[in-house]
Amino acid sequence: MATHTEHSSTNRRDFLYIATGAVGAVGAAAVVWPLINQLNPDASTLALATIEFDVGAIEEGQSVTITWRGLPVFVRHRTAAEIEEAKAVPLADLKDPETDEQRTKPDHEQWLVMIASCTHLGCVPVGESGDFDGWFCPCHGSHYDTAGRVRRGPAPKNLVVPPYNFVSDTLVQIG
């Protein structure tokens, strides 16, 4: 009989060790999970990671400003004259050499999508103004052409083109 008692106490002891370990592991996970989860992006940030915008209502020669990730974004429906003017600029005349084709999508070169933040100090440039009929930052005098490329002033870089794709002929997905 002594062997039966030793055997059943060993089973109980093993069960208690396993149960205590399992409760401890669950408790540790319950403490660690909020610390790890707080490193994830906020829900509002995830919601703005990509947006879709219908450009069908924008008339030729018109610009609109939308918001993506808390940043203003210019969407411009360029005229044929603006496109030709942008293509005719020699790269040697540009501070930040970039062709018009590099700043637009094939088969959609009439659409220019760029973050509306001056690359000098982050001001929002005024559209359809400046020496090159593109954008002008009145804060410090940076001039951008019809492709958003810096042509004069203290801005070191062109207006930034965000990642975007055309989902259809009139629907643009930014992000």
N, C-alpha and C. Protein backbone atom coordinates (compact mmCIF):
# COMPACT_ATOMS: atom_id res chain seq x y z
N MET A 1 0.79 -1.19 0.00
CA MET A 1 0.00 0.00 0.00
C MET A 1 0.84 1.26 0.00
N ALA A 2 1.97 1.18 0.55
CA ALA A 2 2.84 2.35 0.60
C ALA A 2 3.20 2.81 -0.81
N THR A 3 3.33 1.89 -1.70
CA THR A 3 3.68 2.27 -3.07
C THR A 3 2.52 2.99 -3.74
N HIS A 4 1.28 2.60 -3.43
CA HIS A 4 0.12 3.28 -3.99
C HIS A 4 0.05 4.73 -3.51
N THR A 5 0.33 4.97 -2.23
CA THR A 5 0.29 6.32 -1.66
C THR A 5 1.40 7.18 -2.27
N GLU A 6 2.59 6.64 -2.41
CA GLU A 6 3.69 7.39 -3.01
C GLU A 6 3.38 7.74 -4.46
N HIS A 7 2.76 6.81 -5.16
CA HIS A 7 2.43 7.02 -6.56
C HIS A 7 1.38 8.12 -6.72
N SER A 8 0.33 8.13 -5.89
CA SER A 8 -0.72 9.15 -6.01
C SER A 8 -0.21 10.51 -5.57
N SER A 9 0.69 10.62 -4.59
CA SER A 9 1.22 11.92 -4.18
C SER A 9 2.17 12.47 -5.26
N THR A 10 2.87 11.61 -5.95
CA THR A 10 3.73 12.05 -7.04
C THR A 10 2.88 12.62 -8.16
N ASN A 11 1.77 12.02 -8.46
CA ASN A 11 0.87 12.53 -9.49
C ASN A 11 0.29 13.88 -9.09
N ARG A 12 -0.10 14.01 -7.82
CA ARG A 12 -0.63 15.29 -7.34
C ARG A 12 0.44 16.37 -7.39
N ARG A 13 1.65 16.02 -6.97
CA ARG A 13 2.74 16.99 -6.97
C ARG A 13 3.05 17.43 -8.41
N ASP A 14 3.11 16.51 -9.34
CA ASP A 14 3.35 16.85 -10.74
C ASP A 14 2.24 17.75 -11.28
N PHE A 15 1.02 17.42 -10.94
CA PHE A 15 -0.10 18.25 -11.37
C PHE A 15 0.01 19.66 -10.82
N LEU A 16 0.35 19.81 -9.54
CA LEU A 16 0.49 21.13 -8.94
C LEU A 16 1.62 21.93 -9.59
N TYR A 17 2.74 21.29 -9.92
CA TYR A 17 3.84 21.98 -10.60
C TYR A 17 3.41 22.48 -11.98
N ILE A 18 2.75 21.61 -12.70
CA ILE A 18 2.30 21.98 -14.05
C ILE A 18 1.25 23.09 -13.99
N ALA A 19 0.30 22.97 -13.09
CA ALA A 19 -0.75 23.99 -12.95
C ALA A 19 -0.15 25.33 -12.53
N THR A 20 0.77 25.31 -11.57
CA THR A 20 1.41 26.55 -11.12
C THR A 20 2.21 27.19 -12.26
N GLY A 21 2.92 26.39 -13.01
CA GLY A 21 3.68 26.90 -14.15
C GLY A 21 2.78 27.50 -15.22
N ALA A 22 1.65 26.85 -15.49
CA ALA A 22 0.71 27.35 -16.50
C ALA A 22 0.10 28.67 -16.06
N VAL A 23 -0.31 28.77 -14.79
CA VAL A 23 -0.88 30.02 -14.28
C VAL A 23 0.17 31.13 -14.32
N GLY A 24 1.42 30.81 -13.98
CA GLY A 24 2.50 31.79 -14.04
C GLY A 24 2.76 32.27 -15.46
N ALA A 25 2.73 31.35 -16.43
CA ALA A 25 2.95 31.72 -17.83
C ALA A 25 1.82 32.62 -18.35
N VAL A 26 0.59 32.30 -17.99
CA VAL A 26 -0.55 33.13 -18.40
C VAL A 26 -0.44 34.50 -17.76
N GLY A 27 -0.06 34.54 -16.49
CA GLY A 27 0.10 35.83 -15.80
C GLY A 27 1.21 36.67 -16.42
N ALA A 28 2.33 36.04 -16.77
CA ALA A 28 3.43 36.77 -17.41
C ALA A 28 3.00 37.31 -18.77
N ALA A 29 2.27 36.50 -19.53
CA ALA A 29 1.78 36.96 -20.84
C ALA A 29 0.81 38.13 -20.68
N ALA A 30 -0.03 38.07 -19.63
CA ALA A 30 -0.98 39.16 -19.39
C ALA A 30 -0.26 40.45 -19.02
N VAL A 31 0.88 40.37 -18.39
CA VAL A 31 1.65 41.56 -18.03
C VAL A 31 2.44 42.08 -19.24
N VAL A 32 3.03 41.19 -20.02
CA VAL A 32 3.90 41.59 -21.13
C VAL A 32 3.11 42.08 -22.34
N TRP A 33 1.95 41.52 -22.61
CA TRP A 33 1.19 41.87 -23.82
C TRP A 33 0.91 43.36 -23.96
N PRO A 34 0.42 44.08 -22.93
CA PRO A 34 0.19 45.52 -23.10
C PRO A 34 1.48 46.28 -23.43
N LEU A 35 2.59 45.85 -22.88
CA LEU A 35 3.85 46.53 -23.18
C LEU A 35 4.26 46.35 -24.64
N ILE A 36 4.05 45.18 -25.18
CA ILE A 36 4.37 44.93 -26.59
C ILE A 36 3.33 45.60 -27.50
N ASN A 37 2.08 45.52 -27.12
CA ASN A 37 1.01 46.07 -27.95
C ASN A 37 1.11 47.59 -28.09
N GLN A 38 1.63 48.28 -27.10
CA GLN A 38 1.72 49.73 -27.19
C GLN A 38 2.74 50.17 -28.24
N LEU A 39 3.57 49.28 -28.72
CA LEU A 39 4.53 49.60 -29.78
C LEU A 39 3.88 49.61 -31.17
N ASN A 40 2.68 49.05 -31.30
CA ASN A 40 1.98 49.03 -32.59
C ASN A 40 1.50 50.43 -32.94
N PRO A 41 1.35 50.73 -34.24
CA PRO A 41 0.82 52.04 -34.63
C PRO A 41 -0.61 52.24 -34.14
N ASP A 42 -0.95 53.49 -33.91
CA ASP A 42 -2.30 53.85 -33.49
C ASP A 42 -3.30 53.51 -34.59
N ALA A 43 -4.53 53.23 -34.22
CA ALA A 43 -5.56 52.88 -35.21
C ALA A 43 -5.78 54.01 -36.20
N SER A 44 -5.70 55.26 -35.76
CA SER A 44 -5.91 56.37 -36.68
C SER A 44 -4.77 56.46 -37.70
N THR A 45 -3.57 56.08 -37.31
CA THR A 45 -2.44 56.05 -38.23
C THR A 45 -2.62 54.95 -39.26
N LEU A 46 -3.05 53.79 -38.82
CA LEU A 46 -3.29 52.69 -39.76
C LEU A 46 -4.40 53.03 -40.74
N ALA A 47 -5.41 53.74 -40.27
CA ALA A 47 -6.53 54.10 -41.14
C ALA A 47 -6.07 55.03 -42.25
N LEU A 48 -5.06 55.85 -41.99
CA LEU A 48 -4.59 56.80 -42.99
C LEU A 48 -3.41 56.28 -43.81
N ALA A 49 -3.02 55.04 -43.60
CA ALA A 49 -1.86 54.50 -44.32
C ALA A 49 -2.06 54.58 -45.82
N THR A 50 -3.23 54.27 -46.30
CA THR A 50 -3.56 54.45 -47.71
C THR A 50 -4.93 55.09 -47.82
N ILE A 51 -5.07 55.94 -48.80
CA ILE A 51 -6.36 56.53 -49.09
C ILE A 51 -6.61 56.42 -50.58
N GLU A 52 -7.86 56.42 -50.94
CA GLU A 52 -8.24 56.45 -52.35
C GLU A 52 -8.97 57.75 -52.61
N PHE A 53 -8.67 58.35 -53.75
CA PHE A 53 -9.23 59.64 -54.10
C PHE A 53 -9.68 59.62 -55.55
N ASP A 54 -10.91 60.06 -55.80
CA ASP A 54 -11.45 60.10 -57.15
C ASP A 54 -11.08 61.42 -57.81
N VAL A 55 -10.28 61.36 -58.86
CA VAL A 55 -9.82 62.58 -59.54
C VAL A 55 -10.75 62.96 -60.70
N GLY A 56 -11.82 62.23 -60.89
CA GLY A 56 -12.71 62.47 -62.02
C GLY A 56 -13.36 63.85 -62.03
N ALA A 57 -13.54 64.46 -60.87
CA ALA A 57 -14.21 65.76 -60.80
C ALA A 57 -13.26 66.94 -60.96
N ILE A 58 -11.96 66.67 -61.03
CA ILE A 58 -10.98 67.76 -61.15
C ILE A 58 -10.84 68.14 -62.62
N GLU A 59 -11.15 69.38 -62.91
CA GLU A 59 -11.07 69.88 -64.29
C GLU A 59 -9.61 70.11 -64.68
N GLU A 60 -9.34 70.09 -65.97
CA GLU A 60 -7.99 70.35 -66.46
C GLU A 60 -7.56 71.75 -66.03
N GLY A 61 -6.35 71.85 -65.50
CA GLY A 61 -5.83 73.13 -65.02
C GLY A 61 -6.18 73.43 -63.57
N GLN A 62 -6.87 72.51 -62.92
CA GLN A 62 -7.31 72.71 -61.54
C GLN A 62 -6.50 71.84 -60.58
N SER A 63 -6.31 72.33 -59.36
CA SER A 63 -5.63 71.58 -58.31
C SER A 63 -6.55 71.45 -57.11
N VAL A 64 -6.39 70.37 -56.38
CA VAL A 64 -7.07 70.21 -55.10
C VAL A 64 -6.02 69.78 -54.08
N THR A 65 -6.34 70.04 -52.83
CA THR A 65 -5.46 69.62 -51.74
C THR A 65 -6.22 68.65 -50.87
N ILE A 66 -5.66 67.46 -50.67
CA ILE A 66 -6.27 66.46 -49.82
C ILE A 66 -5.31 66.16 -48.67
N THR A 67 -5.74 65.38 -47.71
CA THR A 67 -4.89 65.04 -46.58
C THR A 67 -4.59 63.55 -46.57
N TRP A 68 -3.32 63.24 -46.42
CA TRP A 68 -2.86 61.85 -46.33
C TRP A 68 -1.83 61.79 -45.21
N ARG A 69 -2.08 60.94 -44.23
CA ARG A 69 -1.20 60.80 -43.06
C ARG A 69 -0.96 62.13 -42.36
N GLY A 70 -1.95 62.98 -42.36
CA GLY A 70 -1.84 64.27 -41.71
C GLY A 70 -1.09 65.31 -42.52
N LEU A 71 -0.70 64.97 -43.74
CA LEU A 71 0.03 65.89 -44.60
C LEU A 71 -0.86 66.38 -45.74
N PRO A 72 -0.72 67.65 -46.12
CA PRO A 72 -1.45 68.10 -47.31
C PRO A 72 -0.80 67.53 -48.56
N VAL A 73 -1.63 67.13 -49.51
CA VAL A 73 -1.14 66.57 -50.78
C VAL A 73 -1.83 67.32 -51.92
N PHE A 74 -1.01 67.85 -52.84
CA PHE A 74 -1.54 68.50 -54.04
C PHE A 74 -1.85 67.43 -55.08
N VAL A 75 -3.03 67.51 -55.68
CA VAL A 75 -3.38 66.69 -56.83
C VAL A 75 -3.75 67.68 -57.93
N ARG A 76 -2.96 67.70 -58.99
CA ARG A 76 -3.17 68.67 -60.07
C ARG A 76 -3.42 67.97 -61.38
N HIS A 77 -4.46 68.44 -62.07
CA HIS A 77 -4.77 67.98 -63.43
C HIS A 77 -4.10 68.98 -64.37
N ARG A 78 -2.93 68.62 -64.87
CA ARG A 78 -2.14 69.54 -65.67
C ARG A 78 -2.65 69.66 -67.09
N THR A 79 -2.45 70.83 -67.65
CA THR A 79 -2.81 71.06 -69.05
C THR A 79 -1.68 70.54 -69.94
N ALA A 80 -1.97 70.40 -71.23
CA ALA A 80 -0.94 69.94 -72.17
C ALA A 80 0.21 70.93 -72.22
N ALA A 81 -0.07 72.23 -72.10
CA ALA A 81 0.98 73.24 -72.11
C ALA A 81 1.89 73.10 -70.88
N GLU A 82 1.31 72.81 -69.73
CA GLU A 82 2.11 72.61 -68.51
C GLU A 82 3.02 71.39 -68.63
N ILE A 83 2.49 70.34 -69.23
CA ILE A 83 3.27 69.12 -69.40
C ILE A 83 4.44 69.38 -70.36
N GLU A 84 4.17 70.03 -71.48
CA GLU A 84 5.23 70.34 -72.45
C GLU A 84 6.27 71.27 -71.84
N GLU A 85 5.82 72.25 -71.06
CA GLU A 85 6.74 73.17 -70.40
C GLU A 85 7.65 72.42 -69.43
N ALA A 86 7.09 71.48 -68.68
CA ALA A 86 7.87 70.69 -67.73
C ALA A 86 8.87 69.78 -68.44
N LYS A 87 8.47 69.21 -69.57
CA LYS A 87 9.36 68.31 -70.31
C LYS A 87 10.49 69.07 -71.00
N ALA A 88 10.27 70.35 -71.31
CA ALA A 88 11.25 71.14 -72.05
C ALA A 88 12.38 71.67 -71.17
N VAL A 89 12.27 71.58 -69.87
CA VAL A 89 13.29 72.12 -68.97
C VAL A 89 14.53 71.23 -69.02
N PRO A 90 15.70 71.82 -69.33
CA PRO A 90 16.94 71.03 -69.30
C PRO A 90 17.28 70.63 -67.86
N LEU A 91 17.72 69.40 -67.67
CA LEU A 91 18.03 68.91 -66.32
C LEU A 91 19.15 69.73 -65.67
N ALA A 92 20.02 70.33 -66.49
CA ALA A 92 21.11 71.14 -65.95
C ALA A 92 20.59 72.39 -65.23
N ASP A 93 19.37 72.83 -65.56
CA ASP A 93 18.79 74.01 -64.93
C ASP A 93 18.16 73.71 -63.57
N LEU A 94 18.11 72.45 -63.17
CA LEU A 94 17.42 72.05 -61.95
C LEU A 94 18.39 71.81 -60.80
N LYS A 95 18.00 72.27 -59.61
CA LYS A 95 18.79 72.01 -58.40
C LYS A 95 18.77 70.53 -58.05
N ASP A 96 17.61 69.92 -58.19
CA ASP A 96 17.41 68.50 -57.89
C ASP A 96 16.93 67.84 -59.19
N PRO A 97 17.86 67.44 -60.08
CA PRO A 97 17.47 66.96 -61.42
C PRO A 97 16.56 65.73 -61.37
N GLU A 98 15.40 65.91 -61.96
CA GLU A 98 14.42 64.83 -62.06
C GLU A 98 13.55 65.14 -63.26
N THR A 99 13.36 64.15 -64.14
CA THR A 99 12.54 64.40 -65.32
C THR A 99 11.06 64.41 -64.95
N ASP A 100 10.25 64.96 -65.83
CA ASP A 100 8.81 64.98 -65.61
C ASP A 100 8.26 63.56 -65.57
N GLU A 101 8.83 62.67 -66.38
CA GLU A 101 8.38 61.27 -66.41
C GLU A 101 8.64 60.56 -65.09
N GLN A 102 9.70 60.95 -64.39
CA GLN A 102 10.01 60.34 -63.10
C GLN A 102 9.02 60.79 -62.01
N ARG A 103 8.35 61.88 -62.23
CA ARG A 103 7.45 62.44 -61.22
C ARG A 103 5.98 62.11 -61.46
N THR A 104 5.69 61.48 -62.60
CA THR A 104 4.31 61.12 -62.93
C THR A 104 4.25 59.64 -63.30
N LYS A 105 3.05 59.14 -63.49
CA LYS A 105 2.86 57.74 -63.89
C LYS A 105 2.65 57.65 -65.40
N PRO A 106 3.18 56.58 -66.02
CA PRO A 106 2.94 56.40 -67.46
C PRO A 106 1.43 56.33 -67.75
N ASP A 107 1.02 56.89 -68.84
CA ASP A 107 -0.38 56.96 -69.27
C ASP A 107 -1.24 57.86 -68.39
N HIS A 108 -0.65 58.48 -67.39
CA HIS A 108 -1.38 59.42 -66.53
C HIS A 108 -0.52 60.66 -66.26
N GLU A 109 0.24 61.08 -67.26
CA GLU A 109 1.16 62.19 -67.07
C GLU A 109 0.45 63.52 -66.82
N GLN A 110 -0.85 63.58 -67.09
CA GLN A 110 -1.59 64.81 -66.82
C GLN A 110 -1.85 65.01 -65.33
N TRP A 111 -1.65 63.96 -64.54
CA TRP A 111 -1.89 64.03 -63.09
C TRP A 111 -0.57 64.15 -62.35
N LEU A 112 -0.50 65.16 -61.50
CA LEU A 112 0.68 65.35 -60.66
C LEU A 112 0.22 65.25 -59.21
N VAL A 113 0.81 64.32 -58.47
CA VAL A 113 0.47 64.10 -57.06
C VAL A 113 1.74 64.30 -56.26
N MET A 114 1.71 65.24 -55.31
CA MET A 114 2.91 65.49 -54.50
C MET A 114 2.53 66.07 -53.15
N ILE A 115 3.39 65.82 -52.18
CA ILE A 115 3.16 66.33 -50.83
C ILE A 115 3.35 67.84 -50.85
N ALA A 116 2.39 68.55 -50.31
CA ALA A 116 2.35 70.01 -50.37
C ALA A 116 3.12 70.61 -49.20
N SER A 117 4.39 70.30 -49.15
CA SER A 117 5.23 70.81 -48.07
C SER A 117 6.57 71.22 -48.66
N CYS A 118 6.90 72.49 -48.54
CA CYS A 118 8.15 73.01 -49.07
C CYS A 118 9.31 72.25 -48.44
N THR A 119 10.27 71.87 -49.26
CA THR A 119 11.39 71.08 -48.75
C THR A 119 12.42 71.92 -48.02
N HIS A 120 12.19 73.22 -47.90
CA HIS A 120 13.10 74.07 -47.14
C HIS A 120 12.76 74.01 -45.66
N LEU A 121 11.56 74.48 -45.30
CA LEU A 121 11.16 74.49 -43.89
C LEU A 121 9.75 73.94 -43.65
N GLY A 122 9.15 73.33 -44.66
CA GLY A 122 7.87 72.67 -44.45
C GLY A 122 6.64 73.54 -44.61
N CYS A 123 6.78 74.74 -45.17
CA CYS A 123 5.62 75.60 -45.41
C CYS A 123 4.79 75.00 -46.55
N VAL A 124 3.55 75.45 -46.70
CA VAL A 124 2.70 74.98 -47.80
C VAL A 124 2.79 76.01 -48.93
N PRO A 125 3.35 75.62 -50.08
CA PRO A 125 3.48 76.56 -51.20
C PRO A 125 2.12 76.93 -51.80
N VAL A 126 2.09 78.09 -52.43
CA VAL A 126 0.89 78.60 -53.10
C VAL A 126 0.93 78.11 -54.55
N GLY A 127 -0.17 77.55 -55.02
CA GLY A 127 -0.24 77.00 -56.37
C GLY A 127 -0.44 78.04 -57.44
N GLU A 128 -0.04 77.69 -58.65
CA GLU A 128 -0.18 78.52 -59.84
C GLU A 128 0.40 79.91 -59.63
N SER A 129 1.59 79.96 -59.07
CA SER A 129 2.25 81.25 -58.86
C SER A 129 3.75 81.03 -58.89
N GLY A 130 4.49 82.09 -58.70
CA GLY A 130 5.94 82.02 -58.77
C GLY A 130 6.43 82.28 -60.18
N ASP A 131 7.73 82.27 -60.33
CA ASP A 131 8.35 82.61 -61.62
C ASP A 131 8.15 81.54 -62.69
N PHE A 132 7.74 80.35 -62.31
CA PHE A 132 7.65 79.25 -63.27
C PHE A 132 6.22 78.70 -63.39
N ASP A 133 5.24 79.47 -62.94
CA ASP A 133 3.81 79.12 -63.01
C ASP A 133 3.48 77.79 -62.35
N GLY A 134 4.26 77.41 -61.37
CA GLY A 134 4.01 76.17 -60.64
C GLY A 134 3.55 76.49 -59.23
N TRP A 135 4.46 76.41 -58.28
CA TRP A 135 4.16 76.69 -56.88
C TRP A 135 5.21 77.64 -56.34
N PHE A 136 4.80 78.46 -55.38
CA PHE A 136 5.69 79.44 -54.77
C PHE A 136 5.52 79.40 -53.27
N CYS A 137 6.62 79.31 -52.55
CA CYS A 137 6.59 79.32 -51.09
C CYS A 137 6.90 80.75 -50.63
N PRO A 138 5.89 81.48 -50.18
CA PRO A 138 6.11 82.88 -49.83
C PRO A 138 6.95 83.09 -48.57
N CYS A 139 7.11 82.07 -47.77
CA CYS A 139 7.86 82.22 -46.52
C CYS A 139 9.33 82.56 -46.77
N HIS A 140 9.95 81.86 -47.71
CA HIS A 140 11.37 82.07 -47.96
C HIS A 140 11.70 82.20 -49.44
N GLY A 141 10.72 82.20 -50.30
CA GLY A 141 10.93 82.49 -51.71
C GLY A 141 11.34 81.35 -52.61
N SER A 142 10.98 80.13 -52.28
CA SER A 142 11.29 79.01 -53.18
C SER A 142 10.27 78.94 -54.30
N HIS A 143 10.76 78.75 -55.52
CA HIS A 143 9.91 78.66 -56.71
C HIS A 143 9.98 77.24 -57.25
N TYR A 144 8.83 76.66 -57.57
CA TYR A 144 8.73 75.31 -58.14
C TYR A 144 8.06 75.43 -59.50
N ASP A 145 8.43 74.56 -60.44
CA ASP A 145 7.83 74.61 -61.77
C ASP A 145 6.55 73.77 -61.83
N THR A 146 6.03 73.56 -63.03
CA THR A 146 4.75 72.86 -63.21
C THR A 146 4.85 71.36 -62.93
N ALA A 147 6.05 70.87 -62.65
CA ALA A 147 6.23 69.47 -62.25
C ALA A 147 6.60 69.37 -60.77
N GLY A 148 6.58 70.51 -60.05
CA GLY A 148 6.91 70.51 -58.64
C GLY A 148 8.40 70.42 -58.36
N ARG A 149 9.22 70.77 -59.36
CA ARG A 149 10.67 70.73 -59.18
C ARG A 149 11.17 72.11 -58.75
N VAL A 150 12.06 72.14 -57.79
CA VAL A 150 12.59 73.42 -57.29
C VAL A 150 13.46 74.06 -58.37
N ARG A 151 13.20 75.34 -58.63
CA ARG A 151 13.93 76.05 -59.67
C ARG A 151 14.72 77.23 -59.10
N ARG A 152 14.24 77.81 -57.99
CA ARG A 152 14.91 78.96 -57.42
C ARG A 152 14.53 79.04 -55.94
N GLY A 153 15.45 79.57 -55.14
CA GLY A 153 15.19 79.77 -53.73
C GLY A 153 15.97 78.79 -52.86
N PRO A 154 15.74 78.83 -51.56
CA PRO A 154 16.53 78.02 -50.63
C PRO A 154 16.14 76.54 -50.54
N ALA A 155 15.01 76.16 -51.10
CA ALA A 155 14.59 74.76 -51.01
C ALA A 155 15.63 73.86 -51.69
N PRO A 156 16.10 72.81 -51.01
CA PRO A 156 17.14 71.97 -51.60
C PRO A 156 16.61 70.86 -52.53
N LYS A 157 15.37 70.47 -52.35
CA LYS A 157 14.82 69.32 -53.09
C LYS A 157 13.49 69.69 -53.74
N ASN A 158 13.07 68.85 -54.68
CA ASN A 158 11.76 68.98 -55.31
C ASN A 158 10.67 68.64 -54.30
N LEU A 159 9.44 69.06 -54.59
CA LEU A 159 8.31 68.63 -53.77
C LEU A 159 8.23 67.11 -53.86
N VAL A 160 8.00 66.47 -52.74
CA VAL A 160 8.07 65.00 -52.66
C VAL A 160 6.84 64.37 -53.30
N VAL A 161 7.08 63.37 -54.14
CA VAL A 161 6.00 62.59 -54.75
C VAL A 161 5.78 61.37 -53.85
N PRO A 162 4.58 61.24 -53.25
CA PRO A 162 4.33 60.08 -52.39
C PRO A 162 4.11 58.83 -53.23
N PRO A 163 4.18 57.66 -52.62
CA PRO A 163 3.86 56.45 -53.39
C PRO A 163 2.37 56.45 -53.73
N TYR A 164 2.07 56.33 -55.00
CA TYR A 164 0.67 56.28 -55.42
C TYR A 164 0.52 55.46 -56.69
N ASN A 165 -0.69 54.96 -56.91
CA ASN A 165 -1.01 54.17 -58.09
C ASN A 165 -2.42 54.52 -58.54
N PHE A 166 -2.67 54.33 -59.81
CA PHE A 166 -4.02 54.49 -60.34
C PHE A 166 -4.71 53.14 -60.27
N VAL A 167 -5.78 53.06 -59.49
CA VAL A 167 -6.57 51.84 -59.36
C VAL A 167 -7.46 51.69 -60.59
N SER A 168 -7.96 52.82 -61.08
CA SER A 168 -8.72 52.86 -62.33
C SER A 168 -8.35 54.17 -63.03
N ASP A 169 -9.08 54.52 -64.07
CA ASP A 169 -8.74 55.76 -64.79
C ASP A 169 -8.92 57.00 -63.94
N THR A 170 -9.83 56.97 -62.98
CA THR A 170 -10.08 58.16 -62.16
C THR A 170 -9.86 57.94 -60.67
N LEU A 171 -9.46 56.77 -60.25
CA LEU A 171 -9.27 56.50 -58.83
C LEU A 171 -7.79 56.32 -58.52
N VAL A 172 -7.27 57.18 -57.63
CA VAL A 172 -5.87 57.16 -57.23
C VAL A 172 -5.78 56.63 -55.81
N GLN A 173 -4.87 55.71 -55.59
CA GLN A 173 -4.59 55.22 -54.24
C GLN A 173 -3.24 55.75 -53.82
N ILE A 174 -3.23 56.52 -52.74
CA ILE A 174 -2.00 57.10 -52.21
C ILE A 174 -1.59 56.28 -51.00
N GLY A 175 -0.33 55.91 -50.96
CA GLY A 175 0.19 55.14 -49.82
C GLY A 175 0.45 53.70 -50.17
